[in-house]
Amino acid sequence: MISPSYCQTMARYNARMNDQLYNACATIPDQQRRTDMKLFFKSIHGTLDHLMYGDIAWLSRFMGKEDEVPEFGGILYPDFSELADTRKVWDQKIIDWADRLKQSWLESDFSYISKIDGTARTKPAWLLAAHMFNHSTHHRGQLTTALSQLGIDFGVTDLPFVL
């Protein structure tokens, strides 16, 4: 079981890592950010966009706004500047959500409908919150590998040394 303080820590770590990652990605020409690097979502831009989708989807559900979850597939933000600006907005929304989070919510079950396969699911809320943060860390790891292959230093990413 996780706690509100865990979510608050991860929300701040998430925002810090996203800021660091976007700063590194901003040094890459747009065409290179869109080049297929054999990542799961092909390009750096595609992976950044997928991360944005995941956070919008989960946080919208958690805030009771399931109707605001975008359809899955395709690029939500084709323009890097718009994607970067949206990222900052949603990182703050995640921090605000975590700061208001109650242990009782984490201990409850949470139901949602997947936009990927249309299936209704019920899972422990704490598990889904942990997944939201883990999902971001997972894909940021793919991006840091791609950046490393391009010779770009993205900085320290280890949680104990970042916050």
Protein backbone atom coordinates (compact mmCIF):
# COMPACT_ATOMS: atom_id res chain seq x y z
CA MET A 1 0.00 0.00 0.00
CA ILE A 2 1.24 3.48 -0.79
CA SER A 3 0.46 6.72 1.04
CA PRO A 4 -0.42 10.28 0.10
CA SER A 5 3.15 11.28 1.01
CA TYR A 6 4.48 8.72 -1.48
CA CYS A 7 2.27 10.24 -4.20
CA GLN A 8 3.37 13.75 -3.23
CA THR A 9 7.03 12.73 -3.49
CA MET A 10 6.49 10.99 -6.80
CA ALA A 11 4.48 13.91 -8.21
CA ARG A 12 7.36 16.28 -7.48
CA TYR A 13 9.92 13.82 -8.80
CA ASN A 14 7.79 13.34 -11.92
CA ALA A 15 7.64 17.11 -12.54
CA ARG A 16 11.36 17.55 -11.94
CA MET A 17 12.28 14.68 -14.28
CA ASN A 18 9.89 15.88 -16.97
CA ASP A 19 11.37 19.38 -16.78
CA GLN A 20 14.89 17.97 -17.01
CA LEU A 21 13.91 15.71 -19.90
CA TYR A 22 12.13 18.43 -21.87
CA ASN A 23 15.12 20.75 -21.42
CA ALA A 24 17.36 18.05 -22.90
CA CYS A 25 14.90 17.31 -25.72
CA ALA A 26 14.63 21.00 -26.58
CA THR A 27 18.29 20.90 -27.69
CA ILE A 28 17.42 18.40 -30.43
CA PRO A 29 16.19 19.60 -33.82
CA ASP A 30 12.48 18.85 -34.32
CA GLN A 31 13.16 16.44 -37.18
CA GLN A 32 15.50 14.42 -34.97
CA ARG A 33 12.91 14.31 -32.16
CA ARG A 34 10.51 12.80 -34.70
CA THR A 35 12.96 10.27 -36.17
CA ASP A 36 11.99 6.64 -35.60
CA MET A 37 14.53 5.43 -33.05
CA LYS A 38 12.84 2.03 -32.62
CA LEU A 39 11.30 3.10 -29.31
CA PHE A 40 7.95 1.56 -28.41
CA PHE A 41 6.30 4.80 -29.54
CA LYS A 42 8.88 5.16 -32.30
CA SER A 43 10.33 8.62 -31.77
CA ILE A 44 11.32 10.84 -28.88
CA HIS A 45 8.34 13.08 -29.69
CA GLY A 46 5.99 10.09 -29.93
CA THR A 47 7.15 8.82 -26.54
CA LEU A 48 6.83 12.25 -24.90
CA ASP A 49 3.32 12.50 -26.34
CA HIS A 50 2.41 9.03 -25.05
CA LEU A 51 3.61 10.00 -21.58
CA MET A 52 1.33 13.03 -21.80
CA TYR A 53 -1.58 10.80 -22.85
CA GLY A 54 -1.02 8.46 -19.90
CA ASP A 55 -0.95 11.24 -17.33
CA ILE A 56 -4.00 12.96 -18.79
CA ALA A 57 -5.89 9.66 -18.88
CA TRP A 58 -5.09 8.57 -15.33
CA LEU A 59 -5.41 11.94 -13.67
CA SER A 60 -8.67 12.71 -15.48
CA ARG A 61 -10.08 9.42 -14.22
CA PHE A 62 -8.81 10.03 -10.69
CA MET A 63 -10.44 13.48 -10.67
CA GLY A 64 -13.80 12.06 -11.79
CA LYS A 65 -13.52 13.42 -15.32
CA GLU A 66 -13.44 10.17 -17.31
CA ASP A 67 -15.20 11.92 -20.20
CA GLU A 68 -12.04 14.05 -20.63
CA VAL A 69 -9.79 11.02 -21.25
CA PRO A 70 -8.56 11.33 -24.85
CA GLU A 71 -8.97 8.52 -27.33
CA PHE A 72 -5.93 6.26 -27.45
CA GLY A 73 -3.64 6.31 -30.49
CA GLY A 74 -2.22 9.04 -32.62
CA ILE A 75 -0.37 12.14 -31.52
CA LEU A 76 -2.19 14.52 -29.16
CA TYR A 77 0.33 17.35 -29.48
CA PRO A 78 2.16 17.49 -32.80
CA ASP A 79 3.91 20.75 -31.86
CA PHE A 80 6.79 20.31 -29.40
CA SER A 81 6.30 23.74 -27.79
CA GLU A 82 2.61 23.03 -27.15
CA LEU A 83 3.50 19.59 -25.78
CA ALA A 84 6.11 21.12 -23.45
CA ASP A 85 3.68 23.79 -22.22
CA THR A 86 0.95 21.19 -21.67
CA ARG A 87 3.42 18.99 -19.80
CA LYS A 88 4.07 21.76 -17.25
CA VAL A 89 0.33 22.33 -16.74
CA TRP A 90 -0.37 18.64 -16.14
CA ASP A 91 2.66 18.18 -13.90
CA GLN A 92 1.23 20.91 -11.67
CA LYS A 93 -2.20 19.24 -11.78
CA ILE A 94 -0.61 15.97 -10.63
CA ILE A 95 1.15 17.79 -7.76
CA ASP A 96 -2.11 19.50 -6.76
CA TRP A 97 -3.98 16.17 -6.90
CA ALA A 98 -1.34 14.45 -4.77
CA ASP A 99 -1.40 17.28 -2.24
CA ARG A 100 -5.17 16.79 -1.76
CA LEU A 101 -5.04 13.00 -1.77
CA LYS A 102 -6.51 11.08 1.17
CA GLN A 103 -5.41 7.69 2.43
CA SER A 104 -9.03 6.54 2.31
CA TRP A 105 -9.08 7.08 -1.48
CA LEU A 106 -5.90 5.04 -1.91
CA GLU A 107 -7.45 2.24 0.18
CA SER A 108 -10.60 2.10 -1.96
CA ASP A 109 -11.31 0.31 -5.20
CA PHE A 110 -11.37 2.36 -8.37
CA SER A 111 -13.39 1.59 -11.49
CA TYR A 112 -12.69 2.89 -14.98
CA ILE A 113 -13.20 2.01 -18.63
CA SER A 114 -10.09 1.43 -20.71
CA LYS A 115 -9.79 3.57 -23.85
CA ILE A 116 -7.51 0.90 -25.29
CA ASP A 117 -9.92 -2.03 -25.28
CA GLY A 118 -13.21 -0.63 -23.89
CA THR A 119 -13.12 -2.97 -20.90
CA ALA A 120 -14.51 -1.84 -17.54
CA ARG A 121 -12.04 -2.59 -14.77
CA THR A 122 -11.94 -2.25 -11.00
CA LYS A 123 -8.57 -2.21 -9.25
CA PRO A 124 -7.22 -0.90 -5.96
CA ALA A 125 -6.79 2.87 -6.28
CA TRP A 126 -3.31 2.71 -4.74
CA LEU A 127 -2.23 0.29 -7.47
CA LEU A 128 -3.46 2.58 -10.24
CA ALA A 129 -1.81 5.64 -8.67
CA ALA A 130 1.47 3.74 -8.37
CA HIS A 131 1.06 2.64 -11.98
CA MET A 132 0.66 6.24 -13.17
CA PHE A 133 4.04 7.15 -11.67
CA ASN A 134 5.70 3.89 -12.70
CA HIS A 135 4.45 4.28 -16.28
CA SER A 136 6.11 7.69 -16.52
CA THR A 137 9.38 6.43 -15.05
CA HIS A 138 9.39 3.47 -17.43
CA HIS A 139 9.01 5.56 -20.58
CA ARG A 140 11.38 8.28 -19.35
CA GLY A 141 13.95 5.50 -19.01
CA GLN A 142 13.48 4.72 -22.69
CA LEU A 143 13.90 8.39 -23.52
CA THR A 144 17.07 8.77 -21.47
CA THR A 145 18.53 5.82 -23.38
CA ALA A 146 17.66 7.49 -26.70
CA LEU A 147 19.17 10.78 -25.51
CA SER A 148 22.28 8.98 -24.35
CA GLN A 149 22.62 7.40 -27.79
CA LEU A 150 22.48 10.92 -29.24
CA GLY A 151 25.24 12.03 -26.86
CA ILE A 152 22.94 14.23 -24.78
CA ASP A 153 23.44 14.43 -21.02
CA PHE A 154 20.03 14.45 -19.33
CA GLY A 155 21.40 14.71 -15.79
CA VAL A 156 20.85 12.72 -12.63
CA THR A 157 17.60 10.74 -12.44
CA ASP A 158 17.99 8.80 -9.17
CA LEU A 159 15.18 9.71 -6.77
CA PRO A 160 17.35 10.02 -3.63
CA PHE A 161 19.64 12.52 -5.33
CA VAL A 162 17.04 14.61 -7.18
CA LEU A 163 14.62 15.77 -4.47
